[in-house]
Every structure is written in C-alpha cells, then in structure tokens.
Amino acid sequence: MWTWQFQLDDILTTLSIVAVIGGASYRLMILPILTRISDERMQDNLIFTERMGALNETLLELKTEIKLSREQRTKAYTEHVRLTARVDGLETRVDELREDFHEHTAKVH
C-alpha cells in the first residue's frame, strides 16, 4: 500500500518552486498590467482635469456674457421708456398745436 510520506526537504522544495513561479508570474504578467492601468488612470485624470478647466472657463465666460446682456437689456429698456415718454410728450404738444392752429384758422375765416 502506498502512503503519503513527505519530508521537510520535499515540502520546502515544492514551496520554493511555487514561490518562484508565483513571483515570476507576478513580475512578468500582473505587474505590467497594474502599471498600465495606473498609467491609464493618471492619463484619464489629466484629461479630466483639462476638460474640467475648459468647462469652468466657458462657464465664467457665459456668466460674464449673461451679466453684460442683462445690463444691455436694462439700458435698452430704460432708453425705450425715456424715448416713449418723450414721444408721448411730443404727441401731446403736436395735438395742442393742431388745436391752436384749427382755432386760429377758424377765427380767421
């Protein structure tokens, strides 16, 4: 009958072989993959930071343009109200002059 008999040398030799194969596998297969993933993550972070900066600049420009647009609309509205009041005043004065002219014409005839 066959029995499992291992000696300490056999166990240590087996563990050494497994450790060497595991270390070589890690060094040759897993470490390059982890390095590549880390490099890609760093590149993605740089791209994200660059795009976020561009978006923030665009947002600030849009806010500035909106502020200027509001100011221009306010100025235009103020000018419109002022001109409307002036036109109303001129229309009233023209109506008064017409009445005076008609009265004067009626008296002359």
C-alpha atoms as a PDB file:
ATOM      1  CA  MET A   1       0.000   0.000   0.000  1.00  0.00           C
ATOM      2  CA  TRP A   2       1.246   3.428  -0.975  1.00  0.00           C
ATOM      3  CA  THR A   3       1.333   6.156   1.694  1.00  0.00           C
ATOM      4  CA  TRP A   4       1.866   9.862   1.597  1.00  0.00           C
ATOM      5  CA  GLN A   5       5.204  10.457   3.088  1.00  0.00           C
ATOM      6  CA  PHE A   6       6.832  13.800   2.631  1.00  0.00           C
ATOM      7  CA  GLN A   7       9.915  15.027   4.178  1.00  0.00           C
ATOM      8  CA  LEU A   8      10.681  18.588   5.086  1.00  0.00           C
ATOM      9  CA  ASP A   9      13.044  18.913   2.123  1.00  0.00           C
ATOM     10  CA  ASP A  10      10.294  17.920  -0.312  1.00  0.00           C
ATOM     11  CA  ILE A  11       7.834  20.401   1.179  1.00  0.00           C
ATOM     12  CA  LEU A  12      10.387  23.233   1.156  1.00  0.00           C
ATOM     13  CA  THR A  13      11.410  22.420  -2.413  1.00  0.00           C
ATOM     14  CA  THR A  14       7.774  22.436  -3.539  1.00  0.00           C
ATOM     15  CA  LEU A  15       7.102  25.719  -1.731  1.00  0.00           C
ATOM     16  CA  SER A  16      10.236  27.257  -3.267  1.00  0.00           C
ATOM     17  CA  ILE A  17       9.172  26.200  -6.763  1.00  0.00           C
ATOM     18  CA  VAL A  18       5.647  27.582  -6.214  1.00  0.00           C
ATOM     19  CA  ALA A  19       7.092  30.833  -4.818  1.00  0.00           C
ATOM     20  CA  VAL A  20       9.475  31.270  -7.757  1.00  0.00           C
ATOM     21  CA  ILE A  21       6.726  30.560 -10.299  1.00  0.00           C
ATOM     22  CA  GLY A  22       4.304  32.868  -8.441  1.00  0.00           C
ATOM     23  CA  GLY A  23       6.896  35.647  -8.187  1.00  0.00           C
ATOM     24  CA  ALA A  24       7.817  35.341 -11.849  1.00  0.00           C
ATOM     25  CA  SER A  25       4.148  35.319 -12.837  1.00  0.00           C
ATOM     26  CA  TYR A  26       3.511  38.438 -10.754  1.00  0.00           C
ATOM     27  CA  ARG A  27       6.589  40.195 -12.115  1.00  0.00           C
ATOM     28  CA  LEU A  28       6.045  39.246 -15.759  1.00  0.00           C
ATOM     29  CA  MET A  29       2.241  39.224 -16.061  1.00  0.00           C
ATOM     30  CA  ILE A  30       0.451  41.039 -13.265  1.00  0.00           C
ATOM     31  CA  LEU A  31       2.843  43.934 -12.569  1.00  0.00           C
ATOM     32  CA  PRO A  32       2.828  45.221 -16.202  1.00  0.00           C
ATOM     33  CA  ILE A  33      -0.972  45.115 -16.218  1.00  0.00           C
ATOM     34  CA  LEU A  34      -1.150  47.054 -12.938  1.00  0.00           C
ATOM     35  CA  THR A  35       1.393  49.578 -14.223  1.00  0.00           C
ATOM     36  CA  ARG A  36      -0.561  50.066 -17.448  1.00  0.00           C
ATOM     37  CA  ILE A  37      -3.811  50.524 -15.515  1.00  0.00           C
ATOM     38  CA  SER A  38      -2.124  53.071 -13.236  1.00  0.00           C
ATOM     39  CA  ASP A  39      -0.727  54.981 -16.230  1.00  0.00           C
ATOM     40  CA  GLU A  40      -4.134  54.978 -17.939  1.00  0.00           C
ATOM     41  CA  ARG A  41      -5.779  56.236 -14.755  1.00  0.00           C
ATOM     42  CA  MET A  42      -3.234  59.045 -14.473  1.00  0.00           C
ATOM     43  CA  GLN A  43      -3.773  59.981 -18.135  1.00  0.00           C
ATOM     44  CA  ASP A  44      -7.546  59.924 -17.638  1.00  0.00           C
ATOM     45  CA  ASN A  45      -7.187  62.191 -14.596  1.00  0.00           C
ATOM     46  CA  LEU A  46      -5.088  64.648 -16.609  1.00  0.00           C
ATOM     47  CA  ILE A  47      -7.623  64.684 -19.450  1.00  0.00           C
ATOM     48  CA  PHE A  48     -10.489  65.092 -16.977  1.00  0.00           C
ATOM     49  CA  THR A  49      -8.712  67.963 -15.221  1.00  0.00           C
ATOM     50  CA  GLU A  50      -8.006  69.685 -18.548  1.00  0.00           C
ATOM     51  CA  ARG A  51     -11.599  69.339 -19.726  1.00  0.00           C
ATOM     52  CA  MET A  52     -12.949  70.494 -16.373  1.00  0.00           C
ATOM     53  CA  GLY A  53     -10.742  73.583 -16.572  1.00  0.00           C
ATOM     54  CA  ALA A  54     -12.027  74.343 -20.064  1.00  0.00           C
ATOM     55  CA  LEU A  55     -15.622  73.903 -18.895  1.00  0.00           C
ATOM     56  CA  ASN A  56     -15.040  76.225 -15.931  1.00  0.00           C
ATOM     57  CA  GLU A  57     -13.558  78.878 -18.227  1.00  0.00           C
ATOM     58  CA  THR A  58     -16.529  78.565 -20.577  1.00  0.00           C
ATOM     59  CA  LEU A  59     -18.919  78.830 -17.641  1.00  0.00           C
ATOM     60  CA  LEU A  60     -17.231  82.003 -16.418  1.00  0.00           C
ATOM     61  CA  GLU A  61     -17.369  83.496 -19.920  1.00  0.00           C
ATOM     62  CA  LEU A  62     -21.068  82.657 -20.202  1.00  0.00           C
ATOM     63  CA  LYS A  63     -21.788  84.201 -16.802  1.00  0.00           C
ATOM     64  CA  THR A  64     -19.986  87.366 -17.877  1.00  0.00           C
ATOM     65  CA  GLU A  65     -21.903  87.500 -21.160  1.00  0.00           C
ATOM     66  CA  ILE A  66     -25.214  86.959 -19.357  1.00  0.00           C
ATOM     67  CA  LYS A  67     -24.364  89.791 -16.969  1.00  0.00           C
ATOM     68  CA  LEU A  68     -23.461  92.094 -19.869  1.00  0.00           C
ATOM     69  CA  SER A  69     -26.596  91.058 -21.740  1.00  0.00           C
ATOM     70  CA  ARG A  70     -28.732  91.916 -18.710  1.00  0.00           C
ATOM     71  CA  GLU A  71     -27.052  95.293 -18.419  1.00  0.00           C
ATOM     72  CA  GLN A  72     -27.584  95.974 -22.122  1.00  0.00           C
ATOM     73  CA  ARG A  73     -31.239  94.947 -21.912  1.00  0.00           C
ATOM     74  CA  THR A  74     -31.729  97.169 -18.872  1.00  0.00           C
ATOM     75  CA  LYS A  75     -30.105 100.097 -20.662  1.00  0.00           C
ATOM     76  CA  ALA A  76     -32.154  99.447 -23.795  1.00  0.00           C
ATOM     77  CA  TYR A  77     -35.365  99.234 -21.765  1.00  0.00           C
ATOM     78  CA  THR A  78     -34.522 102.453 -19.919  1.00  0.00           C
ATOM     79  CA  GLU A  79     -33.779 104.192 -23.215  1.00  0.00           C
ATOM     80  CA  HIS A  80     -37.035 102.834 -24.681  1.00  0.00           C
ATOM     81  CA  VAL A  81     -39.060 104.126 -21.725  1.00  0.00           C
ATOM     82  CA  ARG A  82     -37.343 107.509 -21.945  1.00  0.00           C
ATOM     83  CA  LEU A  83     -37.976 107.774 -25.687  1.00  0.00           C
ATOM     84  CA  THR A  84     -41.581 106.610 -25.291  1.00  0.00           C
ATOM     85  CA  ALA A  85     -42.190 109.309 -22.691  1.00  0.00           C
ATOM     86  CA  ARG A  86     -40.564 111.878 -24.949  1.00  0.00           C
ATOM     87  CA  VAL A  87     -42.668 110.784 -27.957  1.00  0.00           C
ATOM     88  CA  ASP A  88     -45.821 110.934 -25.821  1.00  0.00           C
ATOM     89  CA  GLY A  89     -44.877 114.459 -24.775  1.00  0.00           C
ATOM     90  CA  LEU A  90     -44.244 115.451 -28.397  1.00  0.00           C
ATOM     91  CA  GLU A  91     -47.563 113.937 -29.492  1.00  0.00           C
ATOM     92  CA  THR A  92     -49.354 115.900 -26.794  1.00  0.00           C
ATOM     93  CA  ARG A  93     -47.615 119.093 -27.880  1.00  0.00           C
ATOM     94  CA  VAL A  94     -48.433 118.405 -31.574  1.00  0.00           C
ATOM     95  CA  ASP A  95     -52.095 117.847 -30.657  1.00  0.00           C
ATOM     96  CA  GLU A  96     -52.127 121.145 -28.746  1.00  0.00           C
ATOM     97  CA  LEU A  97     -50.549 122.961 -31.686  1.00  0.00           C
ATOM     98  CA  ARG A  98     -53.103 121.431 -34.074  1.00  0.00           C
ATOM     99  CA  GLU A  99     -55.953 122.599 -31.871  1.00  0.00           C
ATOM    100  CA  ASP A 100     -54.422 126.052 -31.670  1.00  0.00           C
ATOM    101  CA  PHE A 101     -53.938 126.071 -35.434  1.00  0.00           C
ATOM    102  CA  HIS A 102     -57.548 124.989 -36.050  1.00  0.00           C
ATOM    103  CA  GLU A 103     -58.825 127.623 -33.615  1.00  0.00           C
ATOM    104  CA  HIS A 104     -56.697 130.267 -35.256  1.00  0.00           C
ATOM    105  CA  THR A 105     -57.832 129.142 -38.736  1.00  0.00           C
ATOM    106  CA  ALA A 106     -61.469 129.149 -37.617  1.00  0.00           C
ATOM    107  CA  LYS A 107     -61.161 132.691 -36.238  1.00  0.00           C
ATOM    108  CA  VAL A 108     -59.536 133.975 -39.391  1.00  0.00           C
ATOM    109  CA  HIS A 109     -62.317 132.662 -41.639  1.00  0.00           C
END
